[in-house]
Amino acid sequence: MSQTSENIADRAKRIYRERLQTTLEQSHLNEFVAIEPISGDYFFGKTLSEAIGASRRKYPDRLAHALRVGHEAAIHLGSRLR
């Protein structure tokens, strides 16, 4: 991850923790949210692509960081061990 991408992710995660987490986990659990850290605007989607797409439509020249509301990671790779 580039330094720029890492800074964007860090700022977006801070916005999520400090301003959005409690409210969004009550009303948008398991949805994807893309946070544009300069404006603080955020965009929902049922998929990761929808959330990022909504952010790109409003801010085509800015990067956003997406996460899944109520989860540690936006996506999980691999399988479950039994």
N, C-alpha and C. Protein backbone atom coordinates (compact mmCIF):
# COMPACT_ATOMS: atom_id res chain seq x y z
N MET A 1 0.85 -1.17 0.00
CA MET A 1 0.00 0.00 0.00
C MET A 1 0.90 1.24 0.00
N SER A 2 0.59 2.20 -0.85
CA SER A 2 1.38 3.42 -0.91
C SER A 2 1.15 4.26 0.35
N GLN A 3 2.05 5.18 0.58
CA GLN A 3 1.92 6.07 1.74
C GLN A 3 0.63 6.90 1.63
N THR A 4 0.30 7.35 0.42
CA THR A 4 -0.93 8.13 0.21
C THR A 4 -2.15 7.29 0.56
N SER A 5 -2.20 6.07 0.06
CA SER A 5 -3.34 5.19 0.35
C SER A 5 -3.44 4.89 1.84
N GLU A 6 -2.31 4.69 2.47
CA GLU A 6 -2.30 4.42 3.90
C GLU A 6 -2.82 5.62 4.69
N ASN A 7 -2.43 6.82 4.30
CA ASN A 7 -2.92 8.03 4.97
C ASN A 7 -4.43 8.18 4.80
N ILE A 8 -4.93 7.92 3.61
CA ILE A 8 -6.37 8.00 3.35
C ILE A 8 -7.11 6.99 4.21
N ALA A 9 -6.61 5.76 4.25
CA ALA A 9 -7.24 4.73 5.06
C ALA A 9 -7.24 5.11 6.54
N ASP A 10 -6.12 5.61 7.04
CA ASP A 10 -6.03 5.99 8.45
C ASP A 10 -7.02 7.10 8.78
N ARG A 11 -7.10 8.12 7.93
CA ARG A 11 -8.03 9.23 8.19
C ARG A 11 -9.48 8.76 8.12
N ALA A 12 -9.80 7.92 7.15
CA ALA A 12 -11.17 7.42 7.01
C ALA A 12 -11.56 6.55 8.21
N LYS A 13 -10.65 5.70 8.65
CA LYS A 13 -10.93 4.85 9.82
C LYS A 13 -11.15 5.70 11.07
N ARG A 14 -10.40 6.78 11.20
CA ARG A 14 -10.58 7.68 12.35
C ARG A 14 -11.96 8.34 12.31
N ILE A 15 -12.38 8.79 11.13
CA ILE A 15 -13.72 9.37 10.97
C ILE A 15 -14.77 8.35 11.35
N TYR A 16 -14.59 7.11 10.89
CA TYR A 16 -15.55 6.06 11.21
C TYR A 16 -15.64 5.86 12.72
N ARG A 17 -14.50 5.66 13.36
CA ARG A 17 -14.48 5.41 14.81
C ARG A 17 -15.05 6.57 15.61
N GLU A 18 -14.63 7.78 15.28
CA GLU A 18 -14.99 8.93 16.11
C GLU A 18 -16.36 9.52 15.83
N ARG A 19 -16.85 9.40 14.60
CA ARG A 19 -18.11 10.07 14.25
C ARG A 19 -19.23 9.15 13.78
N LEU A 20 -18.90 8.01 13.22
CA LEU A 20 -19.93 7.24 12.51
C LEU A 20 -20.26 5.87 13.11
N GLN A 21 -19.32 5.24 13.75
CA GLN A 21 -19.45 3.84 14.13
C GLN A 21 -20.73 3.52 14.89
N THR A 22 -21.00 4.22 15.94
CA THR A 22 -22.18 3.90 16.77
C THR A 22 -23.46 3.99 15.97
N THR A 23 -23.64 5.07 15.25
CA THR A 23 -24.86 5.27 14.47
C THR A 23 -24.98 4.26 13.33
N LEU A 24 -23.91 4.08 12.58
CA LEU A 24 -23.98 3.20 11.41
C LEU A 24 -24.16 1.75 11.81
N GLU A 25 -23.57 1.33 12.91
CA GLU A 25 -23.73 -0.07 13.32
C GLU A 25 -25.15 -0.37 13.78
N GLN A 26 -25.91 0.66 14.12
CA GLN A 26 -27.31 0.45 14.47
C GLN A 26 -28.21 0.44 13.24
N SER A 27 -27.83 1.21 12.23
CA SER A 27 -28.74 1.38 11.09
C SER A 27 -28.26 0.78 9.77
N HIS A 28 -26.98 0.45 9.65
CA HIS A 28 -26.44 -0.04 8.37
C HIS A 28 -25.51 -1.24 8.55
N LEU A 29 -25.74 -2.04 9.57
CA LEU A 29 -24.89 -3.19 9.86
C LEU A 29 -24.76 -4.08 8.63
N ASN A 30 -23.56 -4.51 8.33
CA ASN A 30 -23.19 -5.40 7.22
C ASN A 30 -23.19 -4.73 5.85
N GLU A 31 -23.56 -3.46 5.76
CA GLU A 31 -23.45 -2.76 4.48
C GLU A 31 -22.03 -2.25 4.33
N PHE A 32 -21.69 -1.86 3.11
CA PHE A 32 -20.39 -1.25 2.85
C PHE A 32 -20.53 0.26 2.90
N VAL A 33 -19.49 0.91 3.43
CA VAL A 33 -19.46 2.37 3.47
C VAL A 33 -18.09 2.82 2.94
N ALA A 34 -18.11 3.78 2.03
CA ALA A 34 -16.89 4.40 1.53
C ALA A 34 -16.82 5.79 2.13
N ILE A 35 -15.71 6.09 2.76
CA ILE A 35 -15.53 7.38 3.43
C ILE A 35 -14.48 8.19 2.67
N GLU A 36 -14.87 9.37 2.25
CA GLU A 36 -13.96 10.30 1.57
C GLU A 36 -13.41 11.21 2.66
N PRO A 37 -12.14 11.07 3.03
CA PRO A 37 -11.64 11.71 4.24
C PRO A 37 -11.44 13.22 4.19
N ILE A 38 -11.34 13.82 3.03
CA ILE A 38 -11.17 15.28 2.98
C ILE A 38 -12.47 15.97 3.40
N SER A 39 -13.58 15.53 2.82
CA SER A 39 -14.88 16.12 3.12
C SER A 39 -15.54 15.49 4.34
N GLY A 40 -15.20 14.22 4.60
CA GLY A 40 -15.89 13.47 5.65
C GLY A 40 -17.18 12.85 5.16
N ASP A 41 -17.51 13.05 3.87
CA ASP A 41 -18.72 12.45 3.30
C ASP A 41 -18.57 10.94 3.23
N TYR A 42 -19.69 10.24 3.33
CA TYR A 42 -19.66 8.78 3.26
C TYR A 42 -20.82 8.29 2.40
N PHE A 43 -20.61 7.11 1.83
CA PHE A 43 -21.52 6.57 0.82
C PHE A 43 -21.73 5.09 1.08
N PHE A 44 -22.99 4.65 1.00
CA PHE A 44 -23.33 3.26 1.27
C PHE A 44 -23.51 2.46 0.00
N GLY A 45 -23.38 1.16 0.15
CA GLY A 45 -23.68 0.24 -0.93
C GLY A 45 -23.92 -1.13 -0.36
N LYS A 46 -24.69 -1.91 -1.07
CA LYS A 46 -24.88 -3.32 -0.68
C LYS A 46 -23.63 -4.12 -1.01
N THR A 47 -22.82 -3.58 -1.95
CA THR A 47 -21.55 -4.20 -2.30
C THR A 47 -20.44 -3.17 -2.15
N LEU A 48 -19.22 -3.65 -2.10
CA LEU A 48 -18.06 -2.78 -2.03
C LEU A 48 -18.01 -1.87 -3.25
N SER A 49 -18.29 -2.43 -4.40
CA SER A 49 -18.28 -1.68 -5.66
C SER A 49 -19.31 -0.55 -5.66
N GLU A 50 -20.49 -0.80 -5.13
CA GLU A 50 -21.53 0.24 -5.06
C GLU A 50 -21.10 1.41 -4.18
N ALA A 51 -20.51 1.11 -3.04
CA ALA A 51 -20.09 2.17 -2.12
C ALA A 51 -18.97 3.01 -2.74
N ILE A 52 -17.97 2.36 -3.30
CA ILE A 52 -16.87 3.09 -3.94
C ILE A 52 -17.38 3.87 -5.15
N GLY A 53 -18.28 3.26 -5.92
CA GLY A 53 -18.84 3.93 -7.09
C GLY A 53 -19.58 5.21 -6.72
N ALA A 54 -20.32 5.17 -5.64
CA ALA A 54 -21.06 6.37 -5.19
C ALA A 54 -20.08 7.48 -4.81
N SER A 55 -19.01 7.11 -4.13
CA SER A 55 -18.00 8.10 -3.77
C SER A 55 -17.33 8.68 -5.01
N ARG A 56 -17.01 7.83 -5.97
CA ARG A 56 -16.33 8.29 -7.20
C ARG A 56 -17.22 9.20 -8.04
N ARG A 57 -18.52 8.97 -8.00
CA ARG A 57 -19.43 9.85 -8.75
C ARG A 57 -19.40 11.27 -8.19
N LYS A 58 -19.35 11.40 -6.88
CA LYS A 58 -19.34 12.73 -6.28
C LYS A 58 -17.94 13.35 -6.30
N TYR A 59 -16.93 12.53 -6.06
CA TYR A 59 -15.55 13.00 -5.98
C TYR A 59 -14.67 12.18 -6.93
N PRO A 60 -14.77 12.40 -8.23
CA PRO A 60 -14.03 11.56 -9.19
C PRO A 60 -12.51 11.67 -9.08
N ASP A 61 -12.00 12.73 -8.49
CA ASP A 61 -10.55 12.91 -8.40
C ASP A 61 -10.00 12.64 -7.00
N ARG A 62 -10.82 12.07 -6.14
CA ARG A 62 -10.38 11.78 -4.76
C ARG A 62 -10.51 10.30 -4.47
N LEU A 63 -9.65 9.82 -3.61
CA LEU A 63 -9.72 8.43 -3.16
C LEU A 63 -10.55 8.34 -1.88
N ALA A 64 -11.26 7.25 -1.75
CA ALA A 64 -12.03 6.97 -0.54
C ALA A 64 -11.55 5.64 0.02
N HIS A 65 -11.86 5.41 1.26
CA HIS A 65 -11.55 4.12 1.89
C HIS A 65 -12.88 3.47 2.25
N ALA A 66 -13.01 2.20 1.90
CA ALA A 66 -14.26 1.49 2.17
C ALA A 66 -14.06 0.43 3.23
N LEU A 67 -15.11 0.21 3.99
CA LEU A 67 -15.12 -0.85 4.98
C LEU A 67 -16.54 -1.39 5.11
N ARG A 68 -16.65 -2.51 5.76
CA ARG A 68 -17.96 -3.11 5.99
C ARG A 68 -18.39 -2.76 7.40
N VAL A 69 -19.54 -2.17 7.52
CA VAL A 69 -20.03 -1.69 8.81
C VAL A 69 -20.18 -2.86 9.78
N GLY A 70 -19.53 -2.74 10.92
CA GLY A 70 -19.61 -3.75 11.96
C GLY A 70 -18.59 -4.87 11.84
N HIS A 71 -17.64 -4.74 10.90
CA HIS A 71 -16.63 -5.78 10.68
C HIS A 71 -15.23 -5.18 10.74
N GLU A 72 -14.26 -6.03 11.06
CA GLU A 72 -12.87 -5.60 11.10
C GLU A 72 -12.32 -5.33 9.70
N ALA A 73 -12.80 -6.08 8.71
CA ALA A 73 -12.30 -5.95 7.34
C ALA A 73 -13.48 -5.82 6.37
N ALA A 74 -13.23 -5.19 5.23
CA ALA A 74 -14.29 -5.03 4.23
C ALA A 74 -14.66 -6.37 3.63
N ILE A 75 -13.65 -7.21 3.37
CA ILE A 75 -13.91 -8.54 2.82
C ILE A 75 -13.08 -9.56 3.57
N HIS A 76 -13.53 -10.79 3.56
CA HIS A 76 -12.81 -11.89 4.19
C HIS A 76 -12.43 -12.88 3.11
N LEU A 77 -11.17 -13.26 3.07
CA LEU A 77 -10.69 -14.23 2.10
C LEU A 77 -10.39 -15.54 2.81
N GLY A 78 -10.55 -16.63 2.07
CA GLY A 78 -10.24 -17.92 2.66
C GLY A 78 -11.50 -18.64 3.08
N SER A 79 -11.30 -19.73 3.77
CA SER A 79 -12.44 -20.52 4.21
C SER A 79 -12.37 -20.71 5.72
N ARG A 80 -13.46 -21.17 6.24
CA ARG A 80 -13.54 -21.43 7.67
C ARG A 80 -13.02 -22.83 7.97
N LEU A 81 -12.24 -22.96 8.99
CA LEU A 81 -11.78 -24.28 9.41
C LEU A 81 -12.85 -24.89 10.31
N ARG A 82 -13.02 -26.16 10.16
CA ARG A 82 -14.02 -26.85 11.00
C ARG A 82 -13.38 -27.68 12.05
